[in-house]
Every structure is written in C-alpha cells, then in structure tokens.
Amino acid sequence: MKTLILKKTFAVFEALTQARDPLSLKEICTQTGITPPAASRLLADLVEAGYVHKVSYRTFEPGLGMIELGQSSLRHNFFPQNAILRLHSELQRMGCGGALAGMFNDRLVYLYHSFFENGHRISSLPLPEQALSHSNIALVILSVRYGAERARKMLLADVDERFTGIARERRRNSVLRRIEEFQRDRHAVWHDDSGHWNLCFPLMDGAQVYGLSFLGEGDCIAPELFLQCSALAADMRGILAKQP
C-alpha cells in the first residue's frame, strides 16, 4: 500500500474490529507495528472523527462511525442484490436455512446468513467470529483457492489448536473426509453433533471464491431437497456469470 497513513489506519481498524475487548494503546502498537507516538496521533484523529471510541485514558474500541461503515457495506455490498433476493426467497420456499460468504485475509465474511433452529429460520448479521475448522464454507473456499493440500494443513492446524483427545480426532477425521469428498463431488456435506446438516457449494466470480451453504435439521438431507439446493447454486452461478 503506497499511502503509509492509510495503511496504518486500516491496521488500527482491523486490530479493533478483531478484538473481543477494548485494546490499550500498547496492545494496538504491538499488533500493528505502529510506534506509540504515531498511534496516539492517529487514534486521536479517529476518535475526533467518531470512528473510534475512547473507553478510558488509553483504551479504545470501534466507534459508531466504524460500526456504521460495516452496516452500510452490508446494505450496499458488491455482490449482486438480485442474487441475494433470489437466495432469500428460495430458502423460504424450500424451508431450510442458508449462508453465503467469502473470505478476506483467510477470515470468513458473511454476505447473507439465516440460522436454522428448531424449524425456524432467523436472519442474522453480523455473525460471531467462527473458527475455520467449524465452517463448511471455509473448507470449500480454501479448497478452491489454495488446493486440497494447503486447505487440509490450514484446517487441521486450526483443529489442533482448539481441540484435544477424542474431540480432536473426530474433528480431524471430519475435515479429511469432507475435503476428499469435495475434491470428488464439488460439494461438501457436514453433519454436526446437534442433529443438523450443512451442504456447501462453491461459487466463482472471476478470481473471487464464495461458499453457498444450505442448513437444515436431521441426520441427512432428503434427495429432493439436495437437487433443489444444487439447482439454486447453479442459478446463483448463472447470475454471477451475467455480471459485467
């Protein structure tokens, strides 16, 4: 990035938005590599502009301006809105949940999501931070973007960091199985411990890769519903292909 001040501003934005709690000036400097004097001046400007909220003398968190930017981007993102509307209406007709996401810096960015709980779909954005190894969408995107071997290493490393013992082995086996099946079938199916299924297809828009997941209750997805999900994924690809 040619403009240094812009690079520093984005680094501060990322540090604050990724943190679970407000960050001190020292923590911001450690995470971004910005010197304390430069960070102090930049944060003062961002506080004055309303993009950063000063919690205490030297502790900061996202301000209303930063939050408003995120909310506005959801309303006016570059993904075709006719595709989002089509997805929403078809999910209602099919009676299942769904999610659409891409990845930025190997982190999930949801463009649409409807939780599926107890037979009810609840639209909700933004979502809480999700581990890569917990996401069928992440598995599909990483497999397409980087290939099976690198995706396998990234997801298994995430599993090893978060789990031990039997839970670790179960998660590792699930990742390996789904990557192998995705390479063969070009879709990934996951049955979680709470009695839900997740079926994910890749969508391509030039060099950009998205994951489209369908969510429902039960031990397996009905064959007729699988065909409907597959057809909707094909329709979404068609909409993307027609974009200039």
Protein backbone atom coordinates (compact mmCIF):
# COMPACT_ATOMS: atom_id res chain seq x y z
CA MET A 1 0.00 0.00 0.00
CA LYS A 2 1.58 3.26 -1.18
CA THR A 3 -0.02 5.65 1.32
CA LEU A 4 1.51 4.93 4.73
CA ILE A 5 -1.14 6.75 6.78
CA LEU A 6 -3.87 4.76 5.02
CA LYS A 7 -2.02 1.52 5.75
CA LYS A 8 -1.77 2.46 9.43
CA THR A 9 -5.45 3.42 9.59
CA PHE A 10 -6.57 0.09 8.15
CA ALA A 11 -4.22 -1.73 10.54
CA VAL A 12 -5.86 0.03 13.51
CA PHE A 13 -9.34 -0.72 12.13
CA GLU A 14 -8.50 -4.42 11.78
CA ALA A 15 -6.97 -4.64 15.25
CA LEU A 16 -10.01 -3.04 16.90
CA THR A 17 -12.65 -4.97 14.95
CA GLN A 18 -10.95 -8.33 15.56
CA ALA A 19 -10.53 -7.79 19.31
CA ARG A 20 -13.06 -9.22 21.75
CA ASP A 21 -12.44 -6.39 24.24
CA PRO A 22 -11.21 -2.79 24.03
CA LEU A 23 -7.49 -2.50 23.29
CA SER A 24 -4.91 -0.41 25.07
CA LEU A 25 -2.54 1.83 23.14
CA LYS A 26 0.27 -0.63 23.88
CA GLU A 27 -1.75 -3.57 22.52
CA ILE A 28 -2.62 -1.64 19.35
CA CYS A 29 1.05 -0.80 18.80
CA THR A 30 2.08 -4.42 19.37
CA GLN A 31 -0.49 -5.77 16.92
CA THR A 32 0.02 -3.17 14.19
CA GLY A 33 3.71 -2.33 14.48
CA ILE A 34 2.91 1.39 14.69
CA THR A 35 5.05 3.43 17.08
CA PRO A 36 3.27 4.80 20.19
CA PRO A 37 3.57 8.49 19.16
CA ALA A 38 2.19 7.78 15.66
CA ALA A 39 -0.57 5.52 17.01
CA SER A 40 -1.55 8.11 19.61
CA ARG A 41 -1.91 10.84 16.96
CA LEU A 42 -3.84 8.57 14.59
CA LEU A 43 -6.21 7.37 17.32
CA ALA A 44 -6.84 10.95 18.44
CA ASP A 45 -7.91 11.83 14.88
CA LEU A 46 -10.12 8.72 14.62
CA VAL A 47 -11.73 9.47 17.99
CA GLU A 48 -12.44 13.04 16.92
CA ALA A 49 -13.98 11.79 13.66
CA GLY A 50 -16.17 9.28 15.54
CA TYR A 51 -14.67 6.12 14.04
CA VAL A 52 -13.01 5.07 17.31
CA HIS A 53 -14.45 5.28 20.83
CA LYS A 54 -12.09 6.11 23.69
CA VAL A 55 -13.11 3.89 26.59
CA SER A 56 -10.59 5.24 29.08
CA TYR A 57 -7.38 7.26 29.10
CA ARG A 58 -5.56 4.90 26.71
CA THR A 59 -8.09 2.20 25.85
CA PHE A 60 -10.03 2.11 22.57
CA GLU A 61 -12.80 0.23 20.76
CA PRO A 62 -14.75 0.66 17.48
CA GLY A 63 -16.84 3.84 17.43
CA LEU A 64 -20.24 4.45 15.87
CA GLY A 65 -18.62 5.64 12.65
CA MET A 66 -16.79 2.34 12.19
CA ILE A 67 -19.92 0.35 13.05
CA GLU A 68 -21.98 2.40 10.59
CA LEU A 69 -19.44 1.66 7.84
CA GLY A 70 -19.90 -2.05 8.45
CA GLN A 71 -23.68 -1.83 8.45
CA SER A 72 -23.70 0.25 5.26
CA SER A 73 -21.43 -2.21 3.49
CA LEU A 74 -23.95 -4.98 4.18
CA ARG A 75 -26.71 -2.93 2.57
CA HIS A 76 -24.61 -1.87 -0.42
CA ASN A 77 -22.05 -4.62 -0.99
CA PHE A 78 -20.82 -5.50 -4.48
CA PHE A 79 -22.46 -8.95 -4.57
CA PRO A 80 -25.48 -8.82 -6.93
CA GLN A 81 -28.55 -7.95 -4.87
CA ASN A 82 -30.83 -9.87 -7.22
CA ALA A 83 -28.85 -12.99 -6.30
CA ILE A 84 -29.27 -12.28 -2.57
CA LEU A 85 -33.01 -11.72 -3.02
CA ARG A 86 -33.33 -14.89 -5.08
CA LEU A 87 -31.47 -16.85 -2.41
CA HIS A 88 -33.68 -15.48 0.37
CA SER A 89 -36.96 -16.24 -1.42
CA GLU A 90 -35.90 -19.73 -2.48
CA LEU A 91 -34.75 -20.65 1.01
CA GLN A 92 -38.15 -19.63 2.34
CA ARG A 93 -39.86 -21.77 -0.27
CA MET A 94 -37.58 -24.76 0.41
CA GLY A 95 -37.94 -24.44 4.19
CA CYS A 96 -34.25 -24.55 5.05
CA GLY A 97 -31.60 -22.09 6.16
CA GLY A 98 -28.68 -20.82 4.17
CA ALA A 99 -25.49 -18.80 4.20
CA LEU A 100 -23.34 -17.02 1.64
CA ALA A 101 -19.79 -15.93 2.45
CA GLY A 102 -16.40 -15.07 1.05
CA MET A 103 -13.04 -14.78 2.79
CA PHE A 104 -10.74 -11.81 3.45
CA ASN A 105 -7.27 -12.44 4.88
CA ASP A 106 -8.40 -16.03 5.45
CA ARG A 107 -11.30 -14.87 7.65
CA LEU A 108 -14.95 -15.52 6.84
CA VAL A 109 -17.04 -12.56 5.66
CA TYR A 110 -20.76 -13.32 5.54
CA LEU A 111 -22.92 -11.59 2.93
CA TYR A 112 -26.08 -13.46 3.95
CA HIS A 113 -26.99 -15.86 6.73
CA SER A 114 -30.13 -17.34 8.22
CA PHE A 115 -29.77 -19.52 11.29
CA PHE A 116 -31.89 -22.65 11.28
CA GLU A 117 -33.04 -23.52 14.79
CA ASN A 118 -35.99 -25.66 15.86
CA GLY A 119 -37.61 -25.42 12.46
CA HIS A 120 -37.35 -21.63 12.28
CA ARG A 121 -35.02 -19.55 10.14
CA ILE A 122 -33.69 -16.43 11.83
CA SER A 123 -31.83 -13.95 9.61
CA SER A 124 -28.87 -12.53 11.50
CA LEU A 125 -25.84 -10.45 10.52
CA PRO A 126 -23.18 -9.86 11.61
CA LEU A 127 -22.26 -13.26 12.98
CA PRO A 128 -19.95 -14.04 15.88
CA GLU A 129 -16.40 -14.96 14.90
CA GLN A 130 -16.26 -18.53 13.65
CA ALA A 131 -13.27 -20.87 13.61
CA LEU A 132 -12.23 -22.01 10.14
CA SER A 133 -12.41 -25.68 11.11
CA HIS A 134 -16.04 -25.19 12.24
CA SER A 135 -17.12 -23.87 8.84
CA ASN A 136 -18.12 -25.88 5.78
CA ILE A 137 -17.93 -22.68 3.74
CA ALA A 138 -14.32 -22.11 4.80
CA LEU A 139 -13.42 -25.66 3.78
CA VAL A 140 -14.91 -25.18 0.32
CA ILE A 141 -13.38 -21.74 -0.30
CA LEU A 142 -9.92 -22.75 0.92
CA SER A 143 -10.00 -25.94 -1.16
CA VAL A 144 -10.83 -23.98 -4.32
CA ARG A 145 -8.50 -21.05 -3.61
CA TYR A 146 -5.42 -22.92 -2.38
CA GLY A 147 -5.97 -26.55 -3.35
CA ALA A 148 -6.70 -29.57 -1.17
CA GLU A 149 -3.25 -29.92 0.41
CA ARG A 150 -2.94 -26.37 1.72
CA ALA A 151 -6.59 -26.30 2.81
CA ARG A 152 -6.01 -29.53 4.71
CA LYS A 153 -2.98 -28.12 6.53
CA MET A 154 -4.77 -24.88 7.49
CA LEU A 155 -7.90 -26.58 8.79
CA LEU A 156 -6.07 -29.33 10.67
CA ALA A 157 -3.83 -26.72 12.32
CA ASP A 158 -6.98 -24.92 13.49
CA VAL A 159 -8.39 -28.18 14.87
CA ASP A 160 -5.15 -28.98 16.70
CA GLU A 161 -5.16 -25.51 18.27
CA ARG A 162 -8.73 -25.80 19.57
CA PHE A 163 -9.26 -29.46 20.48
CA THR A 164 -7.58 -32.35 22.27
CA GLY A 165 -8.18 -36.06 22.70
CA ILE A 166 -11.18 -37.75 21.11
CA ALA A 167 -12.77 -34.45 20.05
CA ARG A 168 -9.59 -33.57 18.18
CA GLU A 169 -9.53 -36.89 16.30
CA ARG A 170 -13.20 -36.61 15.38
CA ARG A 171 -12.71 -33.09 14.01
CA ARG A 172 -9.59 -34.08 12.09
CA ASN A 173 -11.38 -37.05 10.52
CA SER A 174 -14.32 -34.84 9.57
CA VAL A 175 -12.04 -32.31 7.85
CA LEU A 176 -10.16 -35.01 5.95
CA ARG A 177 -13.35 -36.74 4.85
CA ARG A 178 -15.05 -33.55 3.67
CA ILE A 179 -12.02 -32.34 1.72
CA GLU A 180 -11.75 -35.72 -0.01
CA GLU A 181 -15.47 -35.73 -0.82
CA PHE A 182 -15.32 -32.14 -2.07
CA GLN A 183 -12.49 -32.98 -4.45
CA ARG A 184 -14.64 -35.79 -5.84
CA ASP A 185 -18.14 -34.29 -5.78
CA ARG A 186 -17.52 -30.48 -5.82
CA HIS A 187 -19.75 -30.04 -2.79
CA ALA A 188 -19.18 -30.63 0.93
CA VAL A 189 -21.64 -32.20 3.37
CA TRP A 190 -21.30 -31.93 7.15
CA HIS A 191 -23.50 -33.44 9.87
CA ASP A 192 -22.83 -31.78 13.22
CA ASP A 193 -23.32 -33.11 16.74
CA SER A 194 -26.58 -31.20 17.26
CA GLY A 195 -28.53 -33.01 14.55
CA HIS A 196 -28.10 -30.54 11.69
CA TRP A 197 -26.76 -30.97 8.17
CA ASN A 198 -24.82 -28.44 6.10
CA LEU A 199 -24.41 -28.69 2.33
CA CYS A 200 -21.98 -26.27 0.67
CA PHE A 201 -21.25 -25.41 -2.98
CA PRO A 202 -18.55 -23.10 -4.38
CA LEU A 203 -19.48 -20.00 -6.40
CA MET A 204 -16.94 -18.22 -8.61
CA ASP A 205 -16.93 -14.59 -9.70
CA GLY A 206 -13.72 -14.08 -11.63
CA ALA A 207 -10.90 -14.71 -9.16
CA GLN A 208 -13.23 -14.34 -6.17
CA VAL A 209 -14.50 -17.53 -4.48
CA TYR A 210 -17.65 -17.71 -2.37
CA GLY A 211 -19.29 -20.53 -0.47
CA LEU A 212 -23.06 -21.13 -0.57
CA SER A 213 -24.31 -23.32 2.28
CA PHE A 214 -27.73 -24.81 2.92
CA LEU A 215 -28.67 -25.67 6.51
CA GLY A 216 -31.33 -27.93 7.97
CA GLU A 217 -32.32 -30.35 10.70
CA GLY A 218 -31.99 -34.11 10.55
CA ASP A 219 -29.38 -36.81 10.11
CA CYS A 220 -29.25 -36.38 6.34
CA ILE A 221 -30.56 -34.20 3.54
CA ALA A 222 -33.51 -35.54 1.54
CA PRO A 223 -32.64 -36.36 -2.11
CA GLU A 224 -35.29 -34.00 -3.49
CA LEU A 225 -34.02 -31.14 -1.31
CA PHE A 226 -30.44 -31.87 -2.39
CA LEU A 227 -31.49 -31.45 -6.02
CA GLN A 228 -33.22 -28.15 -5.20
CA CYS A 229 -30.11 -26.87 -3.41
CA SER A 230 -27.90 -27.92 -6.31
CA ALA A 231 -30.21 -26.20 -8.80
CA LEU A 232 -30.25 -22.98 -6.76
CA ALA A 233 -26.44 -22.99 -6.59
CA ALA A 234 -26.37 -23.33 -10.39
CA ASP A 235 -28.81 -20.41 -10.70
CA MET A 236 -26.58 -18.27 -8.47
CA ARG A 237 -23.59 -19.10 -10.67
CA GLY A 238 -25.62 -18.05 -13.69
CA ILE A 239 -26.46 -14.69 -12.11
CA LEU A 240 -22.79 -14.07 -11.31
CA ALA A 241 -21.76 -15.02 -14.85
CA LYS A 242 -24.06 -12.34 -16.30
CA GLN A 243 -22.50 -9.54 -14.24
CA PRO A 244 -20.34 -7.09 -16.22
